[in-house]
PDB file of N, CA and C in Angstrom:
ATOM      1  N   UNK A   1       0.784  -1.050   0.149  1.00  0.00           N
ATOM      2  CA  UNK A   1       0.007  -0.162  -0.302  1.00  0.00           C
ATOM      3  C   UNK A   1       0.657   1.012   0.142  1.00  0.00           C
ATOM      4  N   UNK A   2       0.688   2.146  -0.757  1.00  0.00           N
ATOM      5  CA  UNK A   2       1.364   2.995  -0.768  1.00  0.00           C
ATOM      6  C   UNK A   2       1.023   4.746  -0.374  1.00  0.00           C
ATOM      7  N   UNK A   3       1.810   5.143   1.216  1.00  0.00           N
ATOM      8  CA  UNK A   3       0.697   6.166   1.233  1.00  0.00           C
ATOM      9  C   UNK A   3       0.406   7.556   1.209  1.00  0.00           C
ATOM     10  N   UNK A   4       0.122   7.925   0.853  1.00  0.00           N
ATOM     11  CA  UNK A   4      -1.014   8.864  -0.040  1.00  0.00           C
ATOM     12  C   UNK A   4      -1.109   9.956   0.758  1.00  0.00           C
ATOM     13  N   UNK A   5      -1.604  10.085   1.965  1.00  0.00           N
ATOM     14  CA  UNK A   5      -2.436  11.843   3.407  1.00  0.00           C
ATOM     15  C   UNK A   5      -2.039  11.988   4.217  1.00  0.00           C
ATOM     16  N   UNK A   6      -2.242  12.226   5.308  1.00  0.00           N
ATOM     17  CA  UNK A   6      -2.007  12.101   6.045  1.00  0.00           C
ATOM     18  C   UNK A   6      -3.397  12.933   6.911  1.00  0.00           C
ATOM     19  N   UNK A   7      -3.062  12.263   8.520  1.00  0.00           N
ATOM     20  CA  UNK A   7      -4.872  12.482   9.437  1.00  0.00           C
ATOM     21  C   UNK A   7      -4.548  12.806  10.758  1.00  0.00           C
ATOM     22  N   UNK A   8      -5.458  13.377  11.724  1.00  0.00           N
ATOM     23  CA  UNK A   8      -4.992  13.172  12.615  1.00  0.00           C
ATOM     24  C   UNK A   8      -4.539  12.800  13.510  1.00  0.00           C
ATOM     25  N   UNK A   9      -3.616  13.605  14.745  1.00  0.00           N
ATOM     26  CA  UNK A   9      -2.741  11.970  14.987  1.00  0.00           C
ATOM     27  C   UNK A   9      -1.723  11.288  14.891  1.00  0.00           C
ATOM     28  N   UNK A  10      -1.310  11.490  13.692  1.00  0.00           N
ATOM     29  CA  UNK A  10      -0.217  10.805  13.170  1.00  0.00           C
ATOM     30  C   UNK A  10      -0.564  10.015  12.067  1.00  0.00           C
ATOM     31  N   UNK A  11      -2.201  10.114  12.257  1.00  0.00           N
ATOM     32  CA  UNK A  11      -2.044   8.433  11.413  1.00  0.00           C
ATOM     33  C   UNK A  11      -1.627   8.777   9.779  1.00  0.00           C
ATOM     34  N   UNK A  12      -1.565   7.477   8.738  1.00  0.00           N
ATOM     35  CA  UNK A  12      -1.197   7.863   7.984  1.00  0.00           C
ATOM     36  C   UNK A  12      -2.756   7.494   6.511  1.00  0.00           C
ATOM     37  N   UNK A  13      -2.565   7.251   5.319  1.00  0.00           N
ATOM     38  CA  UNK A  13      -3.691   7.493   4.740  1.00  0.00           C
ATOM     39  C   UNK A  13      -3.259   6.126   3.884  1.00  0.00           C
ATOM     40  N   UNK A  14      -3.713   5.271   3.249  1.00  0.00           N
ATOM     41  CA  UNK A  14      -2.717   4.603   2.124  1.00  0.00           C
ATOM     42  C   UNK A  14      -3.855   4.101   1.606  1.00  0.00           C
ATOM     43  N   UNK A  15      -3.177   3.292   0.909  1.00  0.00           N
ATOM     44  CA  UNK A  15      -4.171   2.900  -0.873  1.00  0.00           C
ATOM     45  C   UNK A  15      -3.651   1.874  -2.124  1.00  0.00           C
ATOM     46  N   UNK A  16      -4.426   1.141  -2.080  1.00  0.00           N
ATOM     47  CA  UNK A  16      -3.724   0.414  -3.328  1.00  0.00           C
ATOM     48  C   UNK A  16      -5.369  -0.010  -3.993  1.00  0.00           C
ATOM     49  N   UNK A  17      -4.884  -1.148  -4.700  1.00  0.00           N
ATOM     50  CA  UNK A  17      -6.047  -1.250  -6.395  1.00  0.00           C
ATOM     51  C   UNK A  17      -7.276  -2.222  -5.246  1.00  0.00           C
ATOM     52  N   UNK A  18      -6.492  -2.723  -3.747  1.00  0.00           N
ATOM     53  CA  UNK A  18      -7.762  -3.443  -3.030  1.00  0.00           C
ATOM     54  C   UNK A  18      -8.652  -2.182  -2.203  1.00  0.00           C
ATOM     55  N   UNK A  19      -8.092  -1.379  -2.076  1.00  0.00           N
ATOM     56  CA  UNK A  19      -8.811  -0.319  -1.460  1.00  0.00           C
ATOM     57  C   UNK A  19      -7.728   1.005  -0.599  1.00  0.00           C
ATOM     58  N   UNK A  20      -8.828   1.244   0.604  1.00  0.00           N
ATOM     59  CA  UNK A  20      -8.282   2.084   1.432  1.00  0.00           C
ATOM     60  C   UNK A  20      -7.699   1.717   2.726  1.00  0.00           C
ATOM     61  N   UNK A  21      -6.207   2.495   3.380  1.00  0.00           N
ATOM     62  CA  UNK A  21      -6.591   1.950   5.085  1.00  0.00           C
ATOM     63  C   UNK A  21      -6.283   3.056   5.977  1.00  0.00           C
ATOM     64  N   UNK A  22      -6.047   2.881   6.899  1.00  0.00           N
ATOM     65  CA  UNK A  22      -5.922   4.675   7.943  1.00  0.00           C
ATOM     66  C   UNK A  22      -4.555   3.363   8.358  1.00  0.00           C
ATOM     67  N   UNK A  23      -3.136   4.174   8.957  1.00  0.00           N
ATOM     68  CA  UNK A  23      -3.180   3.193   9.949  1.00  0.00           C
ATOM     69  C   UNK A  23      -1.913   4.386  11.159  1.00  0.00           C
ATOM     70  N   UNK A  24      -1.361   3.197  11.849  1.00  0.00           N
ATOM     71  CA  UNK A  24      -0.676   4.329  13.343  1.00  0.00           C
ATOM     72  C   UNK A  24       0.000   3.593  14.127  1.00  0.00           C
ATOM     73  N   UNK A  25       1.137   4.228  15.348  1.00  0.00           N
ATOM     74  CA  UNK A  25       2.446   3.315  15.474  1.00  0.00           C
ATOM     75  C   UNK A  25       3.682   3.247  14.624  1.00  0.00           C
ATOM     76  N   UNK A  26       3.795   4.035  13.368  1.00  0.00           N
ATOM     77  CA  UNK A  26       4.812   3.789  13.204  1.00  0.00           C
ATOM     78  C   UNK A  26       5.829   3.808  13.550  1.00  0.00           C
ATOM     79  N   UNK A  27       7.098   3.008  13.932  1.00  0.00           N
ATOM     80  CA  UNK A  27       8.279   4.143  14.074  1.00  0.00           C
ATOM     81  C   UNK A  27       9.253   4.805  13.224  1.00  0.00           C
ATOM     82  N   UNK A  28       8.551   5.004  12.260  1.00  0.00           N
ATOM     83  CA  UNK A  28       9.453   5.508  11.150  1.00  0.00           C
ATOM     84  C   UNK A  28       8.462   6.847  10.861  1.00  0.00           C
ATOM     85  N   UNK A  29       8.970   7.964   9.950  1.00  0.00           N
ATOM     86  CA  UNK A  29       8.358   9.200   9.484  1.00  0.00           C
ATOM     87  C   UNK A  29       8.159   9.376   7.930  1.00  0.00           C
ATOM     88  N   UNK A  30       6.507   8.410   7.884  1.00  0.00           N
ATOM     89  CA  UNK A  30       6.454   7.978   6.079  1.00  0.00           C
ATOM     90  C   UNK A  30       6.408   9.457   5.969  1.00  0.00           C
ATOM     91  N   UNK A  31       5.938   9.113   4.412  1.00  0.00           N
ATOM     92  CA  UNK A  31       6.469  10.357   3.437  1.00  0.00           C
ATOM     93  C   UNK A  31       5.291   9.592   2.521  1.00  0.00           C
ATOM     94  N   UNK A  32       4.824  11.160   2.033  1.00  0.00           N
ATOM     95  CA  UNK A  32       3.838  10.713   0.899  1.00  0.00           C
ATOM     96  C   UNK A  32       4.405   9.801  -0.929  1.00  0.00           C
ATOM     97  N   UNK A  33       4.463   8.717  -0.771  1.00  0.00           N
ATOM     98  CA  UNK A  33       4.600   7.847  -2.526  1.00  0.00           C
ATOM     99  C   UNK A  33       5.408   7.184  -1.124  1.00  0.00           C
ATOM    100  N   UNK A  34       6.174   6.754  -0.367  1.00  0.00           N
ATOM    101  CA  UNK A  34       6.031   5.876   0.633  1.00  0.00           C
ATOM    102  C   UNK A  34       5.078   4.277   0.355  1.00  0.00           C
ATOM    103  N   UNK A  35       5.618   3.123   0.698  1.00  0.00           N
ATOM    104  CA  UNK A  35       5.248   2.372   0.320  1.00  0.00           C
ATOM    105  C   UNK A  35       5.112   1.622   1.988  1.00  0.00           C
ATOM    106  N   UNK A  36       4.518   0.680   2.501  1.00  0.00           N
ATOM    107  CA  UNK A  36       3.736  -0.164   3.954  1.00  0.00           C
ATOM    108  C   UNK A  36       3.429  -1.522   2.648  1.00  0.00           C
ATOM    109  N   UNK A  37       4.461  -2.874   3.173  1.00  0.00           N
ATOM    110  CA  UNK A  37       3.898  -3.760   2.875  1.00  0.00           C
ATOM    111  C   UNK A  37       3.566  -4.993   4.166  1.00  0.00           C
ATOM    112  N   UNK A  38       2.415  -4.826   4.367  1.00  0.00           N
ATOM    113  CA  UNK A  38       1.841  -5.896   5.830  1.00  0.00           C
ATOM    114  C   UNK A  38       1.598  -7.207   5.576  1.00  0.00           C
ATOM    115  N   UNK A  39       2.692  -7.988   6.615  1.00  0.00           N
ATOM    116  CA  UNK A  39       3.174  -9.495   6.658  1.00  0.00           C
ATOM    117  C   UNK A  39       1.887 -10.218   7.429  1.00  0.00           C
ATOM    118  N   UNK A  40       2.763 -10.114   8.384  1.00  0.00           N
ATOM    119  CA  UNK A  40       1.974 -11.034   9.597  1.00  0.00           C
ATOM    120  C   UNK A  40       1.144 -10.709  10.672  1.00  0.00           C
ATOM    121  N   UNK A  41      -0.208 -11.302  10.804  1.00  0.00           N
ATOM    122  CA  UNK A  41      -0.699 -10.271  12.325  1.00  0.00           C
ATOM    123  C   UNK A  41       0.370 -10.097  13.529  1.00  0.00           C
ATOM    124  N   UNK A  42       0.343  -9.414  14.568  1.00  0.00           N
ATOM    125  CA  UNK A  42       1.121  -9.312  15.930  1.00  0.00           C
ATOM    126  C   UNK A  42      -0.031  -9.711  17.060  1.00  0.00           C
ATOM    127  N   UNK A  43      -1.424  -9.413  16.622  1.00  0.00           N
ATOM    128  CA  UNK A  43      -1.985  -9.131  17.584  1.00  0.00           C
ATOM    129  C   UNK A  43      -3.632  -8.880  16.596  1.00  0.00           C
ATOM    130  N   UNK A  44      -4.351  -9.641  16.391  1.00  0.00           N
ATOM    131  CA  UNK A  44      -5.112  -9.280  15.445  1.00  0.00           C
ATOM    132  C   UNK A  44      -5.848  -9.110  16.087  1.00  0.00           C
ATOM    133  N   UNK A  45      -6.750  -9.007  17.816  1.00  0.00           N
ATOM    134  CA  UNK A  45      -7.968  -8.066  17.912  1.00  0.00           C
ATOM    135  C   UNK A  45      -7.054  -6.406  17.996  1.00  0.00           C
ATOM    136  N   UNK A  46      -6.538  -6.375  18.663  1.00  0.00           N
ATOM    137  CA  UNK A  46      -5.989  -5.110  18.200  1.00  0.00           C
ATOM    138  C   UNK A  46      -5.543  -4.684  17.113  1.00  0.00           C
ATOM    139  N   UNK A  47      -5.024  -5.494  15.485  1.00  0.00           N
ATOM    140  CA  UNK A  47      -4.598  -5.095  15.537  1.00  0.00           C
ATOM    141  C   UNK A  47      -3.392  -4.495  14.529  1.00  0.00           C
ATOM    142  N   UNK A  48      -2.119  -5.198  15.107  1.00  0.00           N
ATOM    143  CA  UNK A  48      -1.314  -5.092  14.871  1.00  0.00           C
ATOM    144  C   UNK A  48       0.026  -6.046  13.730  1.00  0.00           C
ATOM    145  N   UNK A  49       0.275  -5.158  13.046  1.00  0.00           N
ATOM    146  CA  UNK A  49       0.859  -6.325  12.085  1.00  0.00           C
ATOM    147  C   UNK A  49       2.570  -5.849  11.962  1.00  0.00           C
ATOM    148  N   UNK A  50       3.006  -7.493  11.925  1.00  0.00           N
ATOM    149  CA  UNK A  50       4.454  -6.657  11.439  1.00  0.00           C
ATOM    150  C   UNK A  50       4.194  -6.430   9.283  1.00  0.00           C
ATOM    151  N   UNK A  51       5.019  -5.118   9.151  1.00  0.00           N
ATOM    152  CA  UNK A  51       5.038  -5.256   8.311  1.00  0.00           C
ATOM    153  C   UNK A  51       7.126  -4.616   7.596  1.00  0.00           C
ATOM    154  N   UNK A  52       6.583  -4.338   6.365  1.00  0.00           N
ATOM    155  CA  UNK A  52       7.560  -3.868   5.369  1.00  0.00           C
ATOM    156  C   UNK A  52       7.688  -2.305   4.557  1.00  0.00           C
ATOM    157  N   UNK A  53       8.372  -1.619   5.101  1.00  0.00           N
ATOM    158  CA  UNK A  53       8.300  -0.664   4.533  1.00  0.00           C
ATOM    159  C   UNK A  53       9.942  -0.322   3.741  1.00  0.00           C
ATOM    160  N   UNK A  54       9.402   0.171   2.451  1.00  0.00           N
ATOM    161  CA  UNK A  54      10.158   0.744   1.867  1.00  0.00           C
ATOM    162  C   UNK A  54      10.330   2.580   1.340  1.00  0.00           C
ATOM    163  N   UNK A  55      11.100   3.692   1.420  1.00  0.00           N
ATOM    164  CA  UNK A  55      10.814   5.179   0.938  1.00  0.00           C
ATOM    165  C   UNK A  55      10.794   5.493  -0.288  1.00  0.00           C
ATOM    166  N   UNK A  56      10.393   5.995  -0.379  1.00  0.00           N
ATOM    167  CA  UNK A  56      10.078   6.934  -2.214  1.00  0.00           C
ATOM    168  C   UNK A  56      11.266   7.657  -1.698  1.00  0.00           C
ATOM    169  N   UNK A  57      11.870   8.425  -1.458  1.00  0.00           N
ATOM    170  CA  UNK A  57      13.368   8.776  -1.763  1.00  0.00           C
ATOM    171  C   UNK A  57      14.200   8.555  -1.804  1.00  0.00           C
ATOM    172  N   UNK A  58      14.734   6.875  -1.209  1.00  0.00           N
ATOM    173  CA  UNK A  58      15.872   5.497  -1.634  1.00  0.00           C
ATOM    174  C   UNK A  58      15.152   4.822  -3.247  1.00  0.00           C
ATOM    175  N   UNK A  59      14.372   5.406  -3.630  1.00  0.00           N
ATOM    176  CA  UNK A  59      13.832   4.889  -4.665  1.00  0.00           C
ATOM    177  C   UNK A  59      13.295   2.946  -4.814  1.00  0.00           C
ATOM    178  N   UNK A  60      12.719   3.142  -3.447  1.00  0.00           N
ATOM    179  CA  UNK A  60      12.299   2.359  -2.675  1.00  0.00           C
ATOM    180  C   UNK A  60      13.029   0.929  -2.447  1.00  0.00           C
ATOM    181  N   UNK A  61      14.166   1.102  -2.308  1.00  0.00           N
ATOM    182  CA  UNK A  61      15.404   0.099  -3.075  1.00  0.00           C
ATOM    183  C   UNK A  61      16.107  -0.766  -1.699  1.00  0.00           C
ATOM    184  N   UNK A  62      15.624  -0.774  -0.314  1.00  0.00           N
ATOM    185  CA  UNK A  62      15.322  -0.974   0.472  1.00  0.00           C
ATOM    186  C   UNK A  62      14.352  -1.664   1.284  1.00  0.00           C
ATOM    187  N   UNK A  63      13.977  -2.906   2.622  1.00  0.00           N
ATOM    188  CA  UNK A  63      13.299  -2.902   2.882  1.00  0.00           C
ATOM    189  C   UNK A  63      13.796  -2.419   4.668  1.00  0.00           C
ATOM    190  N   UNK A  64      12.758  -1.931   5.609  1.00  0.00           N
ATOM    191  CA  UNK A  64      12.493  -2.090   6.476  1.00  0.00           C
ATOM    192  C   UNK A  64      11.386  -2.301   7.614  1.00  0.00           C
ATOM    193  N   UNK A  65      11.257  -2.927   8.675  1.00  0.00           N
ATOM    194  CA  UNK A  65      10.849  -3.678   9.196  1.00  0.00           C
ATOM    195  C   UNK A  65      10.691  -2.728  10.597  1.00  0.00           C
ATOM    196  N   UNK A  66       9.398  -2.680  10.516  1.00  0.00           N
ATOM    197  CA  UNK A  66       8.428  -2.665  11.703  1.00  0.00           C
ATOM    198  C   UNK A  66       7.016  -3.165  12.257  1.00  0.00           C
ATOM    199  N   UNK A  67       6.040  -2.990  13.446  1.00  0.00           N
ATOM    200  CA  UNK A  67       5.250  -2.522  13.096  1.00  0.00           C
ATOM    201  C   UNK A  67       4.221  -1.667  12.923  1.00  0.00           C
ATOM    202  N   UNK A  68       3.137  -1.601  12.975  1.00  0.00           N
ATOM    203  CA  UNK A  68       0.954  -0.835  13.011  1.00  0.00           C
ATOM    204  C   UNK A  68       0.378  -1.613  13.366  1.00  0.00           C
ATOM    205  N   UNK A  69      -0.105  -0.549  13.572  1.00  0.00           N
ATOM    206  CA  UNK A  69      -1.876  -0.624  13.867  1.00  0.00           C
ATOM    207  C   UNK A  69      -2.603   0.055  12.433  1.00  0.00           C
ATOM    208  N   UNK A  70      -3.969  -1.185  11.533  1.00  0.00           N
ATOM    209  CA  UNK A  70      -4.513  -0.631  11.145  1.00  0.00           C
ATOM    210  C   UNK A  70      -6.430   0.185  12.234  1.00  0.00           C
ATOM    211  N   UNK A  71      -6.221   0.832  11.691  1.00  0.00           N
ATOM    212  CA  UNK A  71      -6.809   1.205  12.278  1.00  0.00           C
ATOM    213  C   UNK A  71      -8.212   1.650  11.916  1.00  0.00           C
ATOM    214  N   UNK A  72      -8.188   1.458  10.526  1.00  0.00           N
ATOM    215  CA  UNK A  72      -9.443   1.409   9.270  1.00  0.00           C
ATOM    216  C   UNK A  72      -8.994   0.788   7.957  1.00  0.00           C
ATOM    217  N   UNK A  73     -10.118  -0.176   7.696  1.00  0.00           N
ATOM    218  CA  UNK A  73      -9.795  -0.721   6.157  1.00  0.00           C
ATOM    219  C   UNK A  73     -11.026  -0.388   5.633  1.00  0.00           C
ATOM    220  N   UNK A  74     -11.280  -0.217   4.332  1.00  0.00           N
ATOM    221  CA  UNK A  74     -12.509  -0.139   3.857  1.00  0.00           C
ATOM    222  C   UNK A  74     -11.648   0.183   1.955  1.00  0.00           C
ATOM    223  N   UNK A  75     -13.074   1.034   2.016  1.00  0.00           N
ATOM    224  CA  UNK A  75     -14.032   1.886   0.848  1.00  0.00           C
ATOM    225  C   UNK A  75     -13.535   3.541   0.969  1.00  0.00           C
ATOM    226  N   UNK A  76     -13.516   4.226  -0.500  1.00  0.00           N
ATOM    227  CA  UNK A  76     -14.016   5.679  -0.241  1.00  0.00           C
ATOM    228  C   UNK A  76     -15.278   5.915   0.724  1.00  0.00           C
ATOM    229  N   UNK A  77     -16.017   5.641   0.642  1.00  0.00           N
ATOM    230  CA  UNK A  77     -17.240   6.225   1.346  1.00  0.00           C
ATOM    231  C   UNK A  77     -16.968   5.709   2.198  1.00  0.00           C
ATOM    232  N   UNK A  78     -16.579   4.118   3.069  1.00  0.00           N
ATOM    233  CA  UNK A  78     -16.651   3.964   4.329  1.00  0.00           C
ATOM    234  C   UNK A  78     -15.908   4.937   5.225  1.00  0.00           C
ATOM    235  N   UNK A  79     -14.562   5.477   4.235  1.00  0.00           N
ATOM    236  CA  UNK A  79     -13.548   6.069   4.995  1.00  0.00           C
ATOM    237  C   UNK A  79     -14.376   7.282   5.663  1.00  0.00           C
ATOM    238  N   UNK A  80     -14.997   8.219   5.468  1.00  0.00           N
ATOM    239  CA  UNK A  80     -15.466   9.079   4.705  1.00  0.00           C
ATOM    240  C   UNK A  80     -16.955   9.067   6.335  1.00  0.00           C
ATOM    241  N   UNK A  81     -17.122   7.879   6.114  1.00  0.00           N
ATOM    242  CA  UNK A  81     -17.715   8.285   6.954  1.00  0.00           C
ATOM    243  C   UNK A  81     -17.480   7.512   9.015  1.00  0.00           C
ATOM    244  N   UNK A  82     -15.607   6.845   8.420  1.00  0.00           N
ATOM    245  CA  UNK A  82     -15.024   7.006   9.876  1.00  0.00           C
ATOM    246  C   UNK A  82     -13.735   8.404  10.727  1.00  0.00           C
ATOM    247  N   UNK A  83     -13.785   9.126   9.076  1.00  0.00           N
ATOM    248  CA  UNK A  83     -12.722  10.529   9.820  1.00  0.00           C
ATOM    249  C   UNK A  83     -14.252  11.136  10.139  1.00  0.00           C
ATOM    250  N   UNK A  84     -15.815  11.225   9.553  1.00  0.00           N
ATOM    251  CA  UNK A  84     -16.403  11.734  10.577  1.00  0.00           C
ATOM    252  C   UNK A  84     -16.708  11.283  11.993  1.00  0.00           C
ATOM    253  N   UNK A  85     -16.805   9.960  12.085  1.00  0.00           N
ATOM    254  CA  UNK A  85     -16.924   9.642  13.417  1.00  0.00           C
ATOM    255  C   UNK A  85     -16.226   9.412  14.641  1.00  0.00           C
ATOM    256  N   UNK A  86     -14.893  10.151  13.701  1.00  0.00           N
ATOM    257  CA  UNK A  86     -13.200  10.129  14.292  1.00  0.00           C
ATOM    258  C   UNK A  86     -12.569  11.385  14.532  1.00  0.00           C
ATOM    259  N   UNK A  87     -13.518  11.937  14.355  1.00  0.00           N
ATOM    260  CA  UNK A  87     -13.019  13.591  14.060  1.00  0.00           C
ATOM    261  C   UNK A  87     -13.632  14.453  15.272  1.00  0.00           C
ATOM    262  N   UNK A  88     -13.127  15.094  15.889  1.00  0.00           N
ATOM    263  CA  UNK A  88     -13.514  16.016  17.259  1.00  0.00           C
ATOM    264  C   UNK A  88     -14.289  17.270  16.271  1.00  0.00           C
ATOM    265  N   UNK A  89     -15.638  17.519  17.063  1.00  0.00           N
ATOM    266  CA  UNK A  89     -16.387  18.804  15.729  1.00  0.00           C
ATOM    267  C   UNK A  89     -16.156  19.764  16.468  1.00  0.00           C
TER     268      UNK A  89
END
């Protein structure tokens, strides 16, 4: 999945051909165009996954291990609902 935007509380918006996701908890500072590859679940209930990250500023030539939490997965329409539910108005 590719980083396509930022949300509140340093959450990141990712997208691929399957849909869109909101993640948080990375040990790295990710930028637009960086890629996150989901691997094994570490804690299914908490939605924490082992991931590999590649950075666009070095042409994705290396992979770095990390752990992230998936806070949302779905389509663009359900993302709008998620943002409205999680944003303080």
